[in-house]
Amino acid sequence: MSTPKRIYVVTNSASSPTSQRLIRASNTAQALRHVANDTFDVVVASQDALVTLLGAGIQVETAGEPQEQQEAGE
């Protein structure tokens, strides 16, 4: 038996104006992943990318850690 699906509102709070999408999914993680797959690409960082991005001041973030906690640790 398949998991019941609900319709979730996924809001992109980083866009201006804020955009919203209606996504039918089994859970919030699945809804977010569906939207993220349309928006983001994820690959392992190459050495060149690390050098370039760290040199531009982009900090390494740890998944699962709140953003505020990471900023406080700088």
N, C-alpha and C. Protein backbone atom coordinates (compact mmCIF):
# COMPACT_ATOMS: atom_id res chain seq x y z
N MET A 1 0.85 -1.18 0.00
CA MET A 1 0.00 0.00 0.00
C MET A 1 0.89 1.24 0.00
N SER A 2 0.56 2.20 -0.81
CA SER A 2 1.38 3.41 -0.88
C SER A 2 1.05 4.36 0.27
N THR A 3 2.04 5.18 0.60
CA THR A 3 1.87 6.17 1.66
C THR A 3 0.90 7.25 1.20
N PRO A 4 -0.05 7.63 2.06
CA PRO A 4 -0.96 8.71 1.66
C PRO A 4 -0.19 9.99 1.37
N LYS A 5 -0.63 10.72 0.37
CA LYS A 5 0.05 11.96 0.00
C LYS A 5 -0.80 13.15 0.39
N ARG A 6 -0.11 14.20 0.80
CA ARG A 6 -0.76 15.47 1.13
C ARG A 6 -0.23 16.51 0.17
N ILE A 7 -0.86 17.66 0.15
CA ILE A 7 -0.37 18.77 -0.66
C ILE A 7 0.29 19.76 0.29
N TYR A 8 1.56 20.05 0.02
CA TYR A 8 2.35 20.96 0.84
C TYR A 8 2.59 22.27 0.08
N VAL A 9 2.66 23.37 0.81
CA VAL A 9 3.06 24.65 0.25
C VAL A 9 4.54 24.80 0.55
N VAL A 10 5.36 24.88 -0.49
CA VAL A 10 6.80 25.08 -0.32
C VAL A 10 7.09 26.53 -0.67
N THR A 11 7.64 27.27 0.29
CA THR A 11 7.88 28.70 0.13
C THR A 11 9.37 28.96 0.00
N ASN A 12 9.76 29.71 -1.02
CA ASN A 12 11.15 30.14 -1.18
C ASN A 12 11.26 31.52 -0.55
N SER A 13 11.71 31.55 0.70
CA SER A 13 11.80 32.81 1.43
C SER A 13 12.99 33.64 0.98
N ALA A 14 13.90 33.06 0.19
CA ALA A 14 15.07 33.80 -0.29
C ALA A 14 14.76 34.60 -1.55
N SER A 15 13.66 34.28 -2.22
CA SER A 15 13.34 35.00 -3.45
C SER A 15 12.57 36.28 -3.13
N SER A 16 12.66 37.22 -4.03
CA SER A 16 11.95 38.48 -3.84
C SER A 16 11.18 38.78 -5.11
N PRO A 17 9.87 38.78 -5.14
CA PRO A 17 9.01 38.50 -3.99
C PRO A 17 9.04 37.01 -3.65
N THR A 18 8.61 36.68 -2.44
CA THR A 18 8.58 35.30 -1.99
C THR A 18 7.72 34.47 -2.94
N SER A 19 8.24 33.32 -3.36
CA SER A 19 7.46 32.46 -4.27
C SER A 19 7.00 31.21 -3.53
N GLN A 20 5.87 30.68 -3.96
CA GLN A 20 5.32 29.48 -3.34
C GLN A 20 4.94 28.49 -4.42
N ARG A 21 5.06 27.19 -4.07
CA ARG A 21 4.65 26.11 -4.97
C ARG A 21 3.82 25.11 -4.19
N LEU A 22 2.84 24.50 -4.85
CA LEU A 22 2.04 23.44 -4.26
C LEU A 22 2.59 22.11 -4.73
N ILE A 23 2.99 21.26 -3.78
CA ILE A 23 3.64 19.99 -4.11
C ILE A 23 2.89 18.85 -3.43
N ARG A 24 2.46 17.86 -4.19
CA ARG A 24 1.85 16.66 -3.62
C ARG A 24 2.98 15.69 -3.29
N ALA A 25 3.08 15.30 -2.01
CA ALA A 25 4.18 14.44 -1.56
C ALA A 25 3.76 13.65 -0.33
N SER A 26 4.57 12.64 0.01
CA SER A 26 4.30 11.81 1.18
C SER A 26 4.69 12.50 2.48
N ASN A 27 5.68 13.41 2.41
CA ASN A 27 6.13 14.11 3.62
C ASN A 27 6.82 15.41 3.22
N THR A 28 7.15 16.23 4.23
CA THR A 28 7.76 17.54 3.94
C THR A 28 9.13 17.41 3.27
N ALA A 29 9.91 16.41 3.69
CA ALA A 29 11.24 16.24 3.09
C ALA A 29 11.13 15.93 1.60
N GLN A 30 10.17 15.10 1.23
CA GLN A 30 9.98 14.76 -0.18
C GLN A 30 9.53 15.98 -0.98
N ALA A 31 8.66 16.79 -0.40
CA ALA A 31 8.21 18.01 -1.07
C ALA A 31 9.37 18.98 -1.29
N LEU A 32 10.17 19.17 -0.25
CA LEU A 32 11.32 20.08 -0.36
C LEU A 32 12.34 19.56 -1.36
N ARG A 33 12.61 18.26 -1.33
CA ARG A 33 13.57 17.66 -2.27
C ARG A 33 13.10 17.86 -3.71
N HIS A 34 11.80 17.72 -3.96
CA HIS A 34 11.26 17.91 -5.30
C HIS A 34 11.55 19.32 -5.81
N VAL A 35 11.33 20.32 -4.97
CA VAL A 35 11.58 21.71 -5.36
C VAL A 35 13.08 21.96 -5.50
N ALA A 36 13.86 21.43 -4.57
CA ALA A 36 15.32 21.65 -4.60
C ALA A 36 15.93 21.05 -5.86
N ASN A 37 15.43 19.91 -6.31
CA ASN A 37 15.98 19.28 -7.52
C ASN A 37 15.78 20.15 -8.75
N ASP A 38 14.75 21.00 -8.75
CA ASP A 38 14.53 21.93 -9.86
C ASP A 38 15.41 23.17 -9.75
N THR A 39 15.95 23.42 -8.56
CA THR A 39 16.62 24.68 -8.28
C THR A 39 18.12 24.56 -8.09
N PHE A 40 18.58 23.47 -7.50
CA PHE A 40 19.98 23.34 -7.11
C PHE A 40 20.64 22.13 -7.75
N ASP A 41 21.95 22.24 -7.96
CA ASP A 41 22.79 21.11 -8.36
C ASP A 41 23.77 20.88 -7.22
N VAL A 42 24.03 19.63 -6.89
CA VAL A 42 24.96 19.31 -5.81
C VAL A 42 26.01 18.34 -6.33
N VAL A 43 27.29 18.70 -6.16
CA VAL A 43 28.41 17.84 -6.52
C VAL A 43 29.45 17.95 -5.42
N VAL A 44 30.34 16.97 -5.33
CA VAL A 44 31.45 17.04 -4.39
C VAL A 44 32.37 18.17 -4.83
N ALA A 45 32.81 18.99 -3.88
CA ALA A 45 33.67 20.14 -4.20
C ALA A 45 35.04 19.67 -4.69
N SER A 46 35.47 20.23 -5.81
CA SER A 46 36.83 19.95 -6.30
C SER A 46 37.80 20.83 -5.53
N GLN A 47 39.07 20.53 -5.62
CA GLN A 47 40.09 21.36 -4.96
C GLN A 47 40.06 22.78 -5.50
N ASP A 48 39.89 22.93 -6.81
CA ASP A 48 39.83 24.26 -7.41
C ASP A 48 38.62 25.04 -6.89
N ALA A 49 37.47 24.36 -6.77
CA ALA A 49 36.28 25.04 -6.26
C ALA A 49 36.49 25.47 -4.81
N LEU A 50 37.10 24.60 -4.00
CA LEU A 50 37.38 24.96 -2.60
C LEU A 50 38.27 26.19 -2.52
N VAL A 51 39.35 26.21 -3.29
CA VAL A 51 40.27 27.34 -3.27
C VAL A 51 39.55 28.62 -3.68
N THR A 52 38.79 28.56 -4.76
CA THR A 52 38.09 29.73 -5.27
C THR A 52 37.04 30.24 -4.28
N LEU A 53 36.20 29.35 -3.79
CA LEU A 53 35.09 29.76 -2.93
C LEU A 53 35.57 30.20 -1.55
N LEU A 54 36.52 29.47 -0.96
CA LEU A 54 37.06 29.89 0.34
C LEU A 54 37.77 31.24 0.20
N GLY A 55 38.48 31.43 -0.92
CA GLY A 55 39.15 32.70 -1.18
C GLY A 55 38.18 33.86 -1.33
N ALA A 56 36.96 33.55 -1.76
CA ALA A 56 35.93 34.58 -1.92
C ALA A 56 35.17 34.82 -0.62
N GLY A 57 35.58 34.13 0.45
CA GLY A 57 34.96 34.36 1.76
C GLY A 57 33.77 33.47 2.07
N ILE A 58 33.52 32.48 1.24
CA ILE A 58 32.39 31.57 1.50
C ILE A 58 32.84 30.54 2.53
N GLN A 59 32.08 30.45 3.62
CA GLN A 59 32.41 29.54 4.71
C GLN A 59 31.82 28.15 4.47
N VAL A 60 32.48 27.13 5.01
CA VAL A 60 31.96 25.77 4.96
C VAL A 60 30.87 25.65 6.02
N GLU A 61 29.71 25.15 5.64
CA GLU A 61 28.59 24.95 6.56
C GLU A 61 28.49 23.46 6.87
N THR A 62 28.00 23.13 8.06
CA THR A 62 27.79 21.74 8.45
C THR A 62 26.31 21.42 8.41
N ALA A 63 25.93 20.44 7.58
CA ALA A 63 24.53 20.05 7.46
C ALA A 63 23.99 19.59 8.81
N GLY A 64 22.80 20.03 9.13
CA GLY A 64 22.17 19.64 10.39
C GLY A 64 22.42 20.60 11.52
N GLU A 65 23.36 21.51 11.35
CA GLU A 65 23.65 22.52 12.36
C GLU A 65 22.89 23.79 12.02
N PRO A 66 22.23 24.40 13.00
CA PRO A 66 21.52 25.65 12.71
C PRO A 66 22.48 26.72 12.20
N GLN A 67 22.01 27.53 11.26
CA GLN A 67 22.84 28.58 10.68
C GLN A 67 23.38 29.53 11.73
N GLU A 68 22.55 29.89 12.73
CA GLU A 68 22.97 30.82 13.77
C GLU A 68 24.15 30.25 14.56
N GLN A 69 24.12 28.94 14.82
CA GLN A 69 25.19 28.30 15.58
C GLN A 69 26.48 28.31 14.77
N GLN A 70 26.40 28.11 13.46
CA GLN A 70 27.58 28.11 12.63
C GLN A 70 28.19 29.50 12.56
N GLU A 71 27.35 30.53 12.47
CA GLU A 71 27.85 31.90 12.41
C GLU A 71 28.51 32.29 13.73
N ALA A 72 27.99 31.80 14.86
CA ALA A 72 28.56 32.11 16.16
C ALA A 72 29.92 31.45 16.34
N GLY A 73 30.16 30.34 15.65
CA GLY A 73 31.41 29.62 15.77
C GLY A 73 32.54 30.21 14.97
N GLU A 74 32.28 31.24 14.20
CA GLU A 74 33.33 31.85 13.36
C GLU A 74 34.34 32.59 14.18
